[in-house]
Structures are given as structure tokens and as C-alpha cells.
Amino acid sequence: METNQNDDLNFEDLHILELPERLSYDQRERLKRKGWDLYRNGPSIFDKLRGAVMIGVAHFHRSKESIEGQGLEHPSFDEYARHWLWANGDDFFAGEPLRILNQMFRKPLKPHMTKNSTYWDQ
């Protein structure tokens, strides 16, 4: 049986450096713009995946910031990404990139986001 070389991709393969503790609004917006540009115009599937993850990282930080000071816990990026992709993947991404993202970030059994939302629901 032939295997797809993309089947073995994981978050670490995307060379996103360690996540910073926090991103400012301007940093998040720049990250989203660069991510969307890579996703839409990147020459390779790898670039498109990196772009998608960059968008997710920006949304992660916005979600995390939204609950600061409320005594609530926010999940790690890996956990957040599973729920974020479930809530938004079909609207944000398509084709091979979406298929690979769904393999990287398995859909949750009990979602903690509503459809079309990027904020973590407690």
C-alpha cells in the first residue's frame, strides 16, 4: 500500500517556534495576515499548513487573552487547535490542507467551541 508523505506531518514539523506567552493585538493581526497569505498563496502544501497554523496561533492568543483575570483556565494550543478546527475548519480551509489539519488535530468528542467561533467556551 502506498503512503502519503503528508500523513506523517505533525505540529512540530511546521517549524513554529515555541509559542510566546502572549501576543499583542498588532502582533496577532500581523500573524493572521501572514498566515492567510501563506495559506492562500504558498507554493507548497507545507506553506499552506504553516499559514493555517499561524492563523490558529493568532486566534489562540486572542481567545486566551479574552479570559484573563476571570479565574478561568485556557487549554494548551494543541487542545485549542482541535476545537478551533472543528468549529471553523470547513469555513476557513479546504482540500488537502484541511484533510491534513484534521489528521494533525483530531476532532474533539465534546467540543468546547460553538461553530464559527474562535473563543474557548468554558
PDB file of N, CA and C in Angstrom:
ATOM      1  N   MET A   1       0.836  -1.175   0.000  1.00  0.00           N
ATOM      2  CA  MET A   1       0.000   0.000   0.000  1.00  0.00           C
ATOM      3  C   MET A   1       0.886   1.245   0.000  1.00  0.00           C
ATOM      4  N   GLU A   2       0.552   2.173  -0.854  1.00  0.00           N
ATOM      5  CA  GLU A   2       1.314   3.405  -0.960  1.00  0.00           C
ATOM      6  C   GLU A   2       0.891   4.370   0.144  1.00  0.00           C
ATOM      7  N   THR A   3       1.853   5.043   0.770  1.00  0.00           N
ATOM      8  CA  THR A   3       1.513   6.005   1.813  1.00  0.00           C
ATOM      9  C   THR A   3       1.746   7.416   1.302  1.00  0.00           C
ATOM     10  N   ASN A   4       1.016   8.319   1.854  1.00  0.00           N
ATOM     11  CA  ASN A   4       1.142   9.723   1.511  1.00  0.00           C
ATOM     12  C   ASN A   4       2.178  10.330   2.446  1.00  0.00           C
ATOM     13  N   GLN A   5       3.176  11.010   1.897  1.00  0.00           N
ATOM     14  CA  GLN A   5       4.216  11.580   2.745  1.00  0.00           C
ATOM     15  C   GLN A   5       3.659  12.622   3.714  1.00  0.00           C
ATOM     16  N   ASN A   6       2.513  13.219   3.397  1.00  0.00           N
ATOM     17  CA  ASN A   6       1.903  14.206   4.286  1.00  0.00           C
ATOM     18  C   ASN A   6       1.263  13.567   5.504  1.00  0.00           C
ATOM     19  N   ASP A   7       1.024  12.256   5.498  1.00  0.00           N
ATOM     20  CA  ASP A   7       0.351  11.595   6.607  1.00  0.00           C
ATOM     21  C   ASP A   7       1.163  11.656   7.901  1.00  0.00           C
ATOM     22  N   ASP A   8       2.460  11.868   7.808  1.00  0.00           N
ATOM     23  CA  ASP A   8       3.303  11.864   8.989  1.00  0.00           C
ATOM     24  C   ASP A   8       3.601  13.261   9.526  1.00  0.00           C
ATOM     25  N   LEU A   9       2.981  14.301   8.957  1.00  0.00           N
ATOM     26  CA  LEU A   9       3.215  15.653   9.436  1.00  0.00           C
ATOM     27  C   LEU A   9       2.602  15.822  10.817  1.00  0.00           C
ATOM     28  N   ASN A  10       3.258  16.590  11.646  1.00  0.00           N
ATOM     29  CA  ASN A  10       2.672  16.960  12.928  1.00  0.00           C
ATOM     30  C   ASN A  10       3.049  18.399  13.233  1.00  0.00           C
ATOM     31  N   PHE A  11       2.539  18.922  14.337  1.00  0.00           N
ATOM     32  CA  PHE A  11       2.739  20.323  14.682  1.00  0.00           C
ATOM     33  C   PHE A  11       4.217  20.711  14.677  1.00  0.00           C
ATOM     34  N   GLU A  12       5.068  19.847  15.232  1.00  0.00           N
ATOM     35  CA  GLU A  12       6.490  20.166  15.312  1.00  0.00           C
ATOM     36  C   GLU A  12       7.109  20.316  13.920  1.00  0.00           C
ATOM     37  N   ASP A  13       6.580  19.592  12.942  1.00  0.00           N
ATOM     38  CA  ASP A  13       7.114  19.674  11.591  1.00  0.00           C
ATOM     39  C   ASP A  13       6.897  21.045  10.959  1.00  0.00           C
ATOM     40  N   LEU A  14       5.976  21.810  11.478  1.00  0.00           N
ATOM     41  CA  LEU A  14       5.646  23.086  10.852  1.00  0.00           C
ATOM     42  C   LEU A  14       6.605  24.198  11.260  1.00  0.00           C
ATOM     43  N   HIS A  15       7.566  23.896  12.100  1.00  0.00           N
ATOM     44  CA  HIS A  15       8.620  24.840  12.481  1.00  0.00           C
ATOM     45  C   HIS A  15       8.072  26.147  13.035  1.00  0.00           C
ATOM     46  N   ILE A  16       6.991  26.048  13.765  1.00  0.00           N
ATOM     47  CA  ILE A  16       6.508  27.213  14.501  1.00  0.00           C
ATOM     48  C   ILE A  16       7.326  27.202  15.790  1.00  0.00           C
ATOM     49  N   LEU A  17       8.006  28.289  16.056  1.00  0.00           N
ATOM     50  CA  LEU A  17       8.821  28.337  17.257  1.00  0.00           C
ATOM     51  C   LEU A  17       7.922  28.211  18.476  1.00  0.00           C
ATOM     52  N   GLU A  18       8.533  28.018  19.626  1.00  0.00           N
ATOM     53  CA  GLU A  18       7.731  27.911  20.844  1.00  0.00           C
ATOM     54  C   GLU A  18       6.768  29.088  20.911  1.00  0.00           C
ATOM     55  N   LEU A  19       5.562  28.794  21.355  1.00  0.00           N
ATOM     56  CA  LEU A  19       4.559  29.849  21.429  1.00  0.00           C
ATOM     57  C   LEU A  19       4.941  30.860  22.491  1.00  0.00           C
ATOM     58  N   PRO A  20       4.882  32.137  22.156  1.00  0.00           N
ATOM     59  CA  PRO A  20       5.137  33.147  23.183  1.00  0.00           C
ATOM     60  C   PRO A  20       4.013  33.127  24.211  1.00  0.00           C
ATOM     61  N   GLU A  21       4.283  33.653  25.373  1.00  0.00           N
ATOM     62  CA  GLU A  21       3.279  33.679  26.439  1.00  0.00           C
ATOM     63  C   GLU A  21       2.069  34.517  26.032  1.00  0.00           C
ATOM     64  N   ARG A  22       2.333  35.591  25.293  1.00  0.00           N
ATOM     65  CA  ARG A  22       1.226  36.447  24.865  1.00  0.00           C
ATOM     66  C   ARG A  22       1.627  37.207  23.606  1.00  0.00           C
ATOM     67  N   LEU A  23       0.638  37.589  22.825  1.00  0.00           N
ATOM     68  CA  LEU A  23       0.849  38.407  21.633  1.00  0.00           C
ATOM     69  C   LEU A  23      -0.042  39.639  21.753  1.00  0.00           C
ATOM     70  N   SER A  24       0.484  40.778  21.367  1.00  0.00           N
ATOM     71  CA  SER A  24      -0.330  41.989  21.366  1.00  0.00           C
ATOM     72  C   SER A  24      -1.338  41.912  20.220  1.00  0.00           C
ATOM     73  N   TYR A  25      -2.299  42.804  20.240  1.00  0.00           N
ATOM     74  CA  TYR A  25      -3.290  42.859  19.169  1.00  0.00           C
ATOM     75  C   TYR A  25      -2.591  43.001  17.815  1.00  0.00           C
ATOM     76  N   ASP A  26      -1.643  43.928  17.711  1.00  0.00           N
ATOM     77  CA  ASP A  26      -0.946  44.147  16.437  1.00  0.00           C
ATOM     78  C   ASP A  26      -0.162  42.912  16.005  1.00  0.00           C
ATOM     79  N   GLN A  27       0.488  42.251  16.945  1.00  0.00           N
ATOM     80  CA  GLN A  27       1.216  41.025  16.615  1.00  0.00           C
ATOM     81  C   GLN A  27       0.268  39.938  16.105  1.00  0.00           C
ATOM     82  N   ARG A  28      -0.887  39.800  16.746  1.00  0.00           N
ATOM     83  CA  ARG A  28      -1.869  38.800  16.308  1.00  0.00           C
ATOM     84  C   ARG A  28      -2.374  39.110  14.907  1.00  0.00           C
ATOM     85  N   GLU A  29      -2.662  40.358  14.648  1.00  0.00           N
ATOM     86  CA  GLU A  29      -3.167  40.739  13.322  1.00  0.00           C
ATOM     87  C   GLU A  29      -2.112  40.509  12.238  1.00  0.00           C
ATOM     88  N   ARG A  30      -0.866  40.841  12.535  1.00  0.00           N
ATOM     89  CA  ARG A  30       0.215  40.579  11.561  1.00  0.00           C
ATOM     90  C   ARG A  30       0.364  39.080  11.317  1.00  0.00           C
ATOM     91  N   LEU A  31       0.281  38.295  12.387  1.00  0.00           N
ATOM     92  CA  LEU A  31       0.409  36.844  12.258  1.00  0.00           C
ATOM     93  C   LEU A  31      -0.731  36.278  11.414  1.00  0.00           C
ATOM     94  N   LYS A  32      -1.949  36.772  11.639  1.00  0.00           N
ATOM     95  CA  LYS A  32      -3.090  36.307  10.832  1.00  0.00           C
ATOM     96  C   LYS A  32      -2.918  36.688   9.366  1.00  0.00           C
ATOM     97  N   ARG A  33      -2.510  37.932   9.102  1.00  0.00           N
ATOM     98  CA  ARG A  33      -2.314  38.355   7.695  1.00  0.00           C
ATOM     99  C   ARG A  33      -1.270  37.492   7.006  1.00  0.00           C
ATOM    100  N   LYS A  34      -0.147  37.286   7.686  1.00  0.00           N
ATOM    101  CA  LYS A  34       0.913  36.462   7.093  1.00  0.00           C
ATOM    102  C   LYS A  34       0.418  35.024   6.915  1.00  0.00           C
ATOM    103  N   GLY A  35      -0.323  34.521   7.902  1.00  0.00           N
ATOM    104  CA  GLY A  35      -0.859  33.165   7.807  1.00  0.00           C
ATOM    105  C   GLY A  35      -1.814  33.010   6.635  1.00  0.00           C
ATOM    106  N   TRP A  36      -2.739  33.960   6.485  1.00  0.00           N
ATOM    107  CA  TRP A  36      -3.683  33.880   5.362  1.00  0.00           C
ATOM    108  C   TRP A  36      -2.961  33.982   4.028  1.00  0.00           C
ATOM    109  N   ASP A  37      -1.934  34.841   3.961  1.00  0.00           N
ATOM    110  CA  ASP A  37      -1.172  34.956   2.718  1.00  0.00           C
ATOM    111  C   ASP A  37      -0.476  33.635   2.392  1.00  0.00           C
ATOM    112  N   LEU A  38       0.140  33.023   3.389  1.00  0.00           N
ATOM    113  CA  LEU A  38       0.802  31.727   3.160  1.00  0.00           C
ATOM    114  C   LEU A  38      -0.210  30.654   2.763  1.00  0.00           C
ATOM    115  N   TYR A  39      -1.334  30.620   3.462  1.00  0.00           N
ATOM    116  CA  TYR A  39      -2.350  29.611   3.143  1.00  0.00           C
ATOM    117  C   TYR A  39      -2.871  29.789   1.716  1.00  0.00           C
ATOM    118  N   ARG A  40      -3.161  31.003   1.339  1.00  0.00           N
ATOM    119  CA  ARG A  40      -3.748  31.255   0.011  1.00  0.00           C
ATOM    120  C   ARG A  40      -2.729  31.194  -1.116  1.00  0.00           C
ATOM    121  N   ASN A  41      -1.501  31.651  -0.863  1.00  0.00           N
ATOM    122  CA  ASN A  41      -0.526  31.811  -1.941  1.00  0.00           C
ATOM    123  C   ASN A  41       0.729  30.977  -1.802  1.00  0.00           C
ATOM    124  N   GLY A  42       0.857  30.233  -0.722  1.00  0.00           N
ATOM    125  CA  GLY A  42       2.063  29.433  -0.518  1.00  0.00           C
ATOM    126  C   GLY A  42       2.246  28.426  -1.644  1.00  0.00           C
ATOM    127  N   PRO A  43       3.465  28.267  -2.109  1.00  0.00           N
ATOM    128  CA  PRO A  43       3.714  27.374  -3.247  1.00  0.00           C
ATOM    129  C   PRO A  43       3.612  25.882  -2.909  1.00  0.00           C
ATOM    130  N   SER A  44       3.671  25.542  -1.627  1.00  0.00           N
ATOM    131  CA  SER A  44       3.644  24.124  -1.276  1.00  0.00           C
ATOM    132  C   SER A  44       2.561  23.857  -0.232  1.00  0.00           C
ATOM    133  N   ILE A  45       2.213  22.601  -0.088  1.00  0.00           N
ATOM    134  CA  ILE A  45       1.251  22.200   0.938  1.00  0.00           C
ATOM    135  C   ILE A  45       1.807  22.544   2.316  1.00  0.00           C
ATOM    136  N   PHE A  46       3.100  22.419   2.471  1.00  0.00           N
ATOM    137  CA  PHE A  46       3.756  22.742   3.732  1.00  0.00           C
ATOM    138  C   PHE A  46       3.545  24.212   4.089  1.00  0.00           C
ATOM    139  N   ASP A  47       3.700  25.107   3.098  1.00  0.00           N
ATOM    140  CA  ASP A  47       3.471  26.533   3.336  1.00  0.00           C
ATOM    141  C   ASP A  47       2.023  26.796   3.715  1.00  0.00           C
ATOM    142  N   LYS A  48       1.097  26.151   3.034  1.00  0.00           N
ATOM    143  CA  LYS A  48      -0.328  26.321   3.326  1.00  0.00           C
ATOM    144  C   LYS A  48      -0.641  25.863   4.755  1.00  0.00           C
ATOM    145  N   LEU A  49      -0.041  24.753   5.173  1.00  0.00           N
ATOM    146  CA  LEU A  49      -0.248  24.259   6.541  1.00  0.00           C
ATOM    147  C   LEU A  49       0.355  25.213   7.566  1.00  0.00           C
ATOM    148  N   ARG A  50       1.543  25.705   7.294  1.00  0.00           N
ATOM    149  CA  ARG A  50       2.154  26.686   8.212  1.00  0.00           C
ATOM    150  C   ARG A  50       1.270  27.908   8.331  1.00  0.00           C
ATOM    151  N   GLY A  51       0.721  28.369   7.209  1.00  0.00           N
ATOM    152  CA  GLY A  51      -0.170  29.522   7.243  1.00  0.00           C
ATOM    153  C   GLY A  51      -1.396  29.253   8.096  1.00  0.00           C
ATOM    154  N   ALA A  52      -1.993  28.081   7.925  1.00  0.00           N
ATOM    155  CA  ALA A  52      -3.182  27.720   8.708  1.00  0.00           C
ATOM    156  C   ALA A  52      -2.863  27.689  10.195  1.00  0.00           C
ATOM    157  N   VAL A  53      -1.733  27.132  10.561  1.00  0.00           N
ATOM    158  CA  VAL A  53      -1.354  27.066  11.976  1.00  0.00           C
ATOM    159  C   VAL A  53      -1.084  28.468  12.517  1.00  0.00           C
ATOM    160  N   MET A  54      -0.495  29.340  11.713  1.00  0.00           N
ATOM    161  CA  MET A  54      -0.256  30.716  12.152  1.00  0.00           C
ATOM    162  C   MET A  54      -1.584  31.417  12.470  1.00  0.00           C
ATOM    163  N   ILE A  55      -2.585  31.195  11.643  1.00  0.00           N
ATOM    164  CA  ILE A  55      -3.917  31.760  11.893  1.00  0.00           C
ATOM    165  C   ILE A  55      -4.452  31.215  13.218  1.00  0.00           C
ATOM    166  N   GLY A  56      -4.303  29.914  13.411  1.00  0.00           N
ATOM    167  CA  GLY A  56      -4.751  29.297  14.655  1.00  0.00           C
ATOM    168  C   GLY A  56      -4.035  29.847  15.873  1.00  0.00           C
ATOM    169  N   VAL A  57      -2.749  30.098  15.756  1.00  0.00           N
ATOM    170  CA  VAL A  57      -1.981  30.651  16.878  1.00  0.00           C
ATOM    171  C   VAL A  57      -2.494  32.049  17.229  1.00  0.00           C
ATOM    172  N   ALA A  58      -2.779  32.864  16.223  1.00  0.00           N
ATOM    173  CA  ALA A  58      -3.306  34.208  16.480  1.00  0.00           C
ATOM    174  C   ALA A  58      -4.662  34.118  17.178  1.00  0.00           C
ATOM    175  N   HIS A  59      -5.526  33.228  16.706  1.00  0.00           N
ATOM    176  CA  HIS A  59      -6.839  33.064  17.335  1.00  0.00           C
ATOM    177  C   HIS A  59      -6.699  32.512  18.759  1.00  0.00           C
ATOM    178  N   PHE A  60      -5.764  31.597  18.951  1.00  0.00           N
ATOM    179  CA  PHE A  60      -5.497  31.037  20.277  1.00  0.00           C
ATOM    180  C   PHE A  60      -5.178  32.149  21.276  1.00  0.00           C
ATOM    181  N   HIS A  61      -4.278  33.050  20.880  1.00  0.00           N
ATOM    182  CA  HIS A  61      -3.874  34.117  21.800  1.00  0.00           C
ATOM    183  C   HIS A  61      -5.010  35.089  22.079  1.00  0.00           C
ATOM    184  N   ARG A  62      -5.832  35.354  21.086  1.00  0.00           N
ATOM    185  CA  ARG A  62      -6.988  36.233  21.317  1.00  0.00           C
ATOM    186  C   ARG A  62      -7.960  35.570  22.303  1.00  0.00           C
ATOM    187  N   SER A  63      -8.207  34.278  22.097  1.00  0.00           N
ATOM    188  CA  SER A  63      -9.100  33.545  22.987  1.00  0.00           C
ATOM    189  C   SER A  63      -8.547  33.515  24.408  1.00  0.00           C
ATOM    190  N   LYS A  64      -7.264  33.240  24.513  1.00  0.00           N
ATOM    191  CA  LYS A  64      -6.608  33.171  25.827  1.00  0.00           C
ATOM    192  C   LYS A  64      -6.685  34.517  26.537  1.00  0.00           C
ATOM    193  N   GLU A  65      -6.429  35.586  25.803  1.00  0.00           N
ATOM    194  CA  GLU A  65      -6.478  36.927  26.399  1.00  0.00           C
ATOM    195  C   GLU A  65      -7.892  37.282  26.863  1.00  0.00           C
ATOM    196  N   SER A  66      -8.895  36.768  26.159  1.00  0.00           N
ATOM    197  CA  SER A  66     -10.280  37.137  26.475  1.00  0.00           C
ATOM    198  C   SER A  66     -10.745  36.631  27.850  1.00  0.00           C
ATOM    199  N   ILE A  67     -10.063  35.635  28.399  1.00  0.00           N
ATOM    200  CA  ILE A  67     -10.493  35.118  29.704  1.00  0.00           C
ATOM    201  C   ILE A  67      -9.513  35.470  30.829  1.00  0.00           C
ATOM    202  N   GLU A  68      -8.489  36.246  30.512  1.00  0.00           N
ATOM    203  CA  GLU A  68      -7.524  36.637  31.546  1.00  0.00           C
ATOM    204  C   GLU A  68      -8.226  37.400  32.664  1.00  0.00           C
ATOM    205  N   GLY A  69      -7.813  37.134  33.875  1.00  0.00           N
ATOM    206  CA  GLY A  69      -8.343  37.829  35.027  1.00  0.00           C
ATOM    207  C   GLY A  69      -9.711  37.334  35.491  1.00  0.00           C
ATOM    208  N   GLN A  70     -10.220  36.289  34.848  1.00  0.00           N
ATOM    209  CA  GLN A  70     -11.530  35.761  35.224  1.00  0.00           C
ATOM    210  C   GLN A  70     -11.430  34.480  36.051  1.00  0.00           C
ATOM    211  N   GLY A  71     -10.212  34.051  36.329  1.00  0.00           N
ATOM    212  CA  GLY A  71     -10.027  32.826  37.100  1.00  0.00           C
ATOM    213  C   GLY A  71     -10.360  31.571  36.308  1.00  0.00           C
ATOM    214  N   LEU A  72     -10.387  31.681  34.992  1.00  0.00           N
ATOM    215  CA  LEU A  72     -10.695  30.543  34.132  1.00  0.00           C
ATOM    216  C   LEU A  72      -9.421  30.004  33.504  1.00  0.00           C
ATOM    217  N   GLU A  73      -9.429  28.732  33.200  1.00  0.00           N
ATOM    218  CA  GLU A  73      -8.269  28.115  32.555  1.00  0.00           C
ATOM    219  C   GLU A  73      -8.485  28.018  31.055  1.00  0.00           C
ATOM    220  N   HIS A  74      -7.429  28.264  30.325  1.00  0.00           N
ATOM    221  CA  HIS A  74      -7.453  28.137  28.869  1.00  0.00           C
ATOM    222  C   HIS A  74      -6.594  26.923  28.514  1.00  0.00           C
ATOM    223  N   PRO A  75      -6.987  26.145  27.515  1.00  0.00           N
ATOM    224  CA  PRO A  75      -6.206  24.959  27.163  1.00  0.00           C
ATOM    225  C   PRO A  75      -4.897  25.314  26.462  1.00  0.00           C
ATOM    226  N   SER A  76      -4.066  24.305  26.303  1.00  0.00           N
ATOM    227  CA  SER A  76      -2.841  24.448  25.512  1.00  0.00           C
ATOM    228  C   SER A  76      -3.218  24.682  24.046  1.00  0.00           C
ATOM    229  N   PHE A  77      -2.241  25.081  23.243  1.00  0.00           N
ATOM    230  CA  PHE A  77      -2.529  25.296  21.825  1.00  0.00           C
ATOM    231  C   PHE A  77      -3.002  24.005  21.164  1.00  0.00           C
ATOM    232  N   ASP A  78      -2.361  22.899  21.446  1.00  0.00           N
ATOM    233  CA  ASP A  78      -2.749  21.639  20.794  1.00  0.00           C
ATOM    234  C   ASP A  78      -4.212  21.290  21.068  1.00  0.00           C
ATOM    235  N   GLU A  79      -4.649  21.471  22.317  1.00  0.00           N
ATOM    236  CA  GLU A  79      -6.041  21.189  22.652  1.00  0.00           C
ATOM    237  C   GLU A  79      -6.961  22.219  21.991  1.00  0.00           C
ATOM    238  N   TYR A  80      -6.595  23.488  22.088  1.00  0.00           N
ATOM    239  CA  TYR A  80      -7.392  24.550  21.466  1.00  0.00           C
ATOM    240  C   TYR A  80      -7.552  24.284  19.962  1.00  0.00           C
ATOM    241  N   ALA A  81      -6.459  23.911  19.305  1.00  0.00           N
ATOM    242  CA  ALA A  81      -6.484  23.722  17.847  1.00  0.00           C
ATOM    243  C   ALA A  81      -7.481  22.644  17.431  1.00  0.00           C
ATOM    244  N   ARG A  82      -7.634  21.602  18.216  1.00  0.00           N
ATOM    245  CA  ARG A  82      -8.601  20.546  17.891  1.00  0.00           C
ATOM    246  C   ARG A  82     -10.019  21.108  17.850  1.00  0.00           C
ATOM    247  N   HIS A  83     -10.360  21.924  18.810  1.00  0.00           N
ATOM    248  CA  HIS A  83     -11.701  22.503  18.915  1.00  0.00           C
ATOM    249  C   HIS A  83     -11.888  23.627  17.884  1.00  0.00           C
ATOM    250  N   TRP A  84     -10.846  24.440  17.703  1.00  0.00           N
ATOM    251  CA  TRP A  84     -10.866  25.537  16.725  1.00  0.00           C
ATOM    252  C   TRP A  84     -11.090  24.986  15.324  1.00  0.00           C
ATOM    253  N   LEU A  85     -10.397  23.919  15.000  1.00  0.00           N
ATOM    254  CA  LEU A  85     -10.549  23.325  13.671  1.00  0.00           C
ATOM    255  C   LEU A  85     -11.949  22.735  13.502  1.00  0.00           C
ATOM    256  N   TRP A  86     -12.480  22.096  14.547  1.00  0.00           N
ATOM    257  CA  TRP A  86     -13.838  21.574  14.485  1.00  0.00           C
ATOM    258  C   TRP A  86     -14.832  22.712  14.233  1.00  0.00           C
ATOM    259  N   ALA A  87     -14.651  23.834  14.926  1.00  0.00           N
ATOM    260  CA  ALA A  87     -15.593  24.953  14.842  1.00  0.00           C
ATOM    261  C   ALA A  87     -15.467  25.744  13.541  1.00  0.00           C
ATOM    262  N   ASN A  88     -14.282  25.753  12.931  1.00  0.00           N
ATOM    263  CA  ASN A  88     -14.033  26.652  11.805  1.00  0.00           C
ATOM    264  C   ASN A  88     -13.395  26.033  10.573  1.00  0.00           C
ATOM    265  N   GLY A  89     -12.874  24.827  10.694  1.00  0.00           N
ATOM    266  CA  GLY A  89     -12.092  24.247   9.608  1.00  0.00           C
ATOM    267  C   GLY A  89     -12.784  24.236   8.262  1.00  0.00           C
ATOM    268  N   ASP A  90     -14.041  23.833   8.232  1.00  0.00           N
ATOM    269  CA  ASP A  90     -14.746  23.746   6.947  1.00  0.00           C
ATOM    270  C   ASP A  90     -15.003  25.118   6.338  1.00  0.00           C
ATOM    271  N   ASP A  91     -15.057  26.157   7.176  1.00  0.00           N
ATOM    272  CA  ASP A  91     -15.270  27.506   6.662  1.00  0.00           C
ATOM    273  C   ASP A  91     -13.955  28.183   6.276  1.00  0.00           C
ATOM    274  N   PHE A  92     -12.875  27.847   6.971  1.00  0.00           N
ATOM    275  CA  PHE A  92     -11.598  28.503   6.729  1.00  0.00           C
ATOM    276  C   PHE A  92     -10.757  27.815   5.653  1.00  0.00           C
ATOM    277  N   PHE A  93     -10.767  26.491   5.641  1.00  0.00           N
ATOM    278  CA  PHE A  93      -9.820  25.742   4.823  1.00  0.00           C
ATOM    279  C   PHE A  93     -10.532  24.729   3.935  1.00  0.00           C
ATOM    280  N   ALA A  94      -9.801  24.191   2.972  1.00  0.00           N
ATOM    281  CA  ALA A  94     -10.408  23.227   2.052  1.00  0.00           C
ATOM    282  C   ALA A  94      -9.346  22.263   1.526  1.00  0.00           C
ATOM    283  N   GLY A  95      -9.817  21.218   0.896  1.00  0.00           N
ATOM    284  CA  GLY A  95      -8.953  20.296   0.171  1.00  0.00           C
ATOM    285  C   GLY A  95      -7.915  19.593   1.023  1.00  0.00           C
ATOM    286  N   GLU A  96      -6.760  19.383   0.432  1.00  0.00           N
ATOM    287  CA  GLU A  96      -5.666  18.659   1.074  1.00  0.00           C
ATOM    288  C   GLU A  96      -5.205  19.313   2.378  1.00  0.00           C
ATOM    289  N   PRO A  97      -5.070  20.652   2.434  1.00  0.00           N
ATOM    290  CA  PRO A  97      -4.677  21.234   3.723  1.00  0.00           C
ATOM    291  C   PRO A  97      -5.659  20.897   4.849  1.00  0.00           C
ATOM    292  N   LEU A  98      -6.946  20.951   4.573  1.00  0.00           N
ATOM    293  CA  LEU A  98      -7.936  20.628   5.605  1.00  0.00           C
ATOM    294  C   LEU A  98      -7.841  19.161   5.998  1.00  0.00           C
ATOM    295  N   ARG A  99      -7.646  18.291   5.049  1.00  0.00           N
ATOM    296  CA  ARG A  99      -7.521  16.860   5.347  1.00  0.00           C
ATOM    297  C   ARG A  99      -6.332  16.613   6.285  1.00  0.00           C
ATOM    298  N   ILE A 100      -5.218  17.241   6.001  1.00  0.00           N
ATOM    299  CA  ILE A 100      -4.017  17.042   6.821  1.00  0.00           C
ATOM    300  C   ILE A 100      -4.201  17.678   8.202  1.00  0.00           C
ATOM    301  N   LEU A 101      -4.780  18.885   8.241  1.00  0.00           N
ATOM    302  CA  LEU A 101      -5.039  19.522   9.536  1.00  0.00           C
ATOM    303  C   LEU A 101      -5.940  18.650  10.399  1.00  0.00           C
ATOM    304  N   ASN A 102      -6.941  18.037   9.781  1.00  0.00           N
ATOM    305  CA  ASN A 102      -7.836  17.155  10.537  1.00  0.00           C
ATOM    306  C   ASN A 102      -7.111  15.923  11.069  1.00  0.00           C
ATOM    307  N   GLN A 103      -6.057  15.500  10.393  1.00  0.00           N
ATOM    308  CA  GLN A 103      -5.246  14.389  10.901  1.00  0.00           C
ATOM    309  C   GLN A 103      -4.341  14.854  12.041  1.00  0.00           C
ATOM    310  N   MET A 104      -3.829  16.071  11.917  1.00  0.00           N
ATOM    311  CA  MET A 104      -2.926  16.602  12.939  1.00  0.00           C
ATOM    312  C   MET A 104      -3.665  16.934  14.226  1.00  0.00           C
ATOM    313  N   PHE A 105      -4.845  17.513  14.075  1.00  0.00           N
ATOM    314  CA  PHE A 105      -5.627  17.970  15.217  1.00  0.00           C
ATOM    315  C   PHE A 105      -6.973  17.259  15.172  1.00  0.00           C
ATOM    316  N   ARG A 106      -7.024  16.094  15.780  1.00  0.00           N
ATOM    317  CA  ARG A 106      -8.234  15.266  15.752  1.00  0.00           C
ATOM    318  C   ARG A 106      -9.420  15.989  16.364  1.00  0.00           C
ATOM    319  N   LYS A 107     -10.566  15.835  15.737  1.00  0.00           N
ATOM    320  CA  LYS A 107     -11.774  16.496  16.218  1.00  0.00           C
ATOM    321  C   LYS A 107     -12.153  15.977  17.611  1.00  0.00           C
ATOM    322  N   PRO A 108     -12.581  16.892  18.477  1.00  0.00           N
ATOM    323  CA  PRO A 108     -12.898  16.514  19.858  1.00  0.00           C
ATOM    324  C   PRO A 108     -14.214  15.752  19.961  1.00  0.00           C
ATOM    325  N   LEU A 109     -14.298  14.911  20.976  1.00  0.00           N
ATOM    326  CA  LEU A 109     -15.553  14.212  21.239  1.00  0.00           C
ATOM    327  C   LEU A 109     -16.599  15.172  21.795  1.00  0.00           C
ATOM    328  N   LYS A 110     -16.164  16.089  22.647  1.00  0.00           N
ATOM    329  CA  LYS A 110     -17.071  17.066  23.242  1.00  0.00           C
ATOM    330  C   LYS A 110     -16.503  18.468  22.977  1.00  0.00           C
ATOM    331  N   PRO A 111     -16.969  19.131  21.940  1.00  0.00           N
ATOM    332  CA  PRO A 111     -16.418  20.448  21.585  1.00  0.00           C
ATOM    333  C   PRO A 111     -16.621  21.498  22.674  1.00  0.00           C
ATOM    334  N   HIS A 112     -15.613  22.352  22.817  1.00  0.00           N
ATOM    335  CA  HIS A 112     -15.681  23.467  23.754  1.00  0.00           C
ATOM    336  C   HIS A 112     -15.695  24.798  23.010  1.00  0.00           C
ATOM    337  N   MET A 113     -16.176  24.771  21.782  1.00  0.00           N
ATOM    338  CA  MET A 113     -16.380  25.982  20.991  1.00  0.00           C
ATOM    339  C   MET A 113     -17.662  25.791  20.221  1.00  0.00           C
ATOM    340  N   THR A 114     -18.335  26.894  19.965  1.00  0.00           N
ATOM    341  CA  THR A 114     -19.512  26.808  19.103  1.00  0.00           C
ATOM    342  C   THR A 114     -19.048  26.972  17.668  1.00  0.00           C
ATOM    343  N   LYS A 115     -19.805  26.485  16.736  1.00  0.00           N
ATOM    344  CA  LYS A 115     -19.455  26.614  15.321  1.00  0.00           C
ATOM    345  C   LYS A 115     -19.245  28.082  14.978  1.00  0.00           C
ATOM    346  N   ASN A 116     -18.254  28.327  14.146  1.00  0.00           N
ATOM    347  CA  ASN A 116     -17.895  29.677  13.666  1.00  0.00           C
ATOM    348  C   ASN A 116     -17.396  30.601  14.776  1.00  0.00           C
ATOM    349  N   SER A 117     -16.889  30.037  15.854  1.00  0.00           N
ATOM    350  CA  SER A 117     -16.320  30.836  16.934  1.00  0.00           C
ATOM    351  C   SER A 117     -14.843  30.491  17.078  1.00  0.00           C
ATOM    352  N   THR A 118     -14.065  31.466  17.518  1.00  0.00           N
ATOM    353  CA  THR A 118     -12.652  31.208  17.779  1.00  0.00           C
ATOM    354  C   THR A 118     -12.334  31.345  19.264  1.00  0.00           C
ATOM    355  N   TYR A 119     -13.369  31.510  20.088  1.00  0.00           N
ATOM    356  CA  TYR A 119     -13.188  31.672  21.530  1.00  0.00           C
ATOM    357  C   TYR A 119     -13.519  30.368  22.256  1.00  0.00           C
ATOM    358  N   TRP A 120     -12.706  30.068  23.249  1.00  0.00           N
ATOM    359  CA  TRP A 120     -12.895  28.871  24.061  1.00  0.00           C
ATOM    360  C   TRP A 120     -14.104  29.031  24.956  1.00  0.00           C
ATOM    361  N   ASP A 121     -14.996  28.063  24.944  1.00  0.00           N
ATOM    362  CA  ASP A 121     -16.155  28.065  25.834  1.00  0.00           C
ATOM    363  C   ASP A 121     -15.814  27.279  27.086  1.00  0.00           C
ATOM    364  N   GLN A 122     -16.108  27.833  28.222  1.00  0.00           N
ATOM    365  CA  GLN A 122     -15.822  27.146  29.498  1.00  0.00           C
ATOM    366  C   GLN A 122     -16.881  26.123  29.809  1.00  0.00           C
TER     367      GLN A 122
END
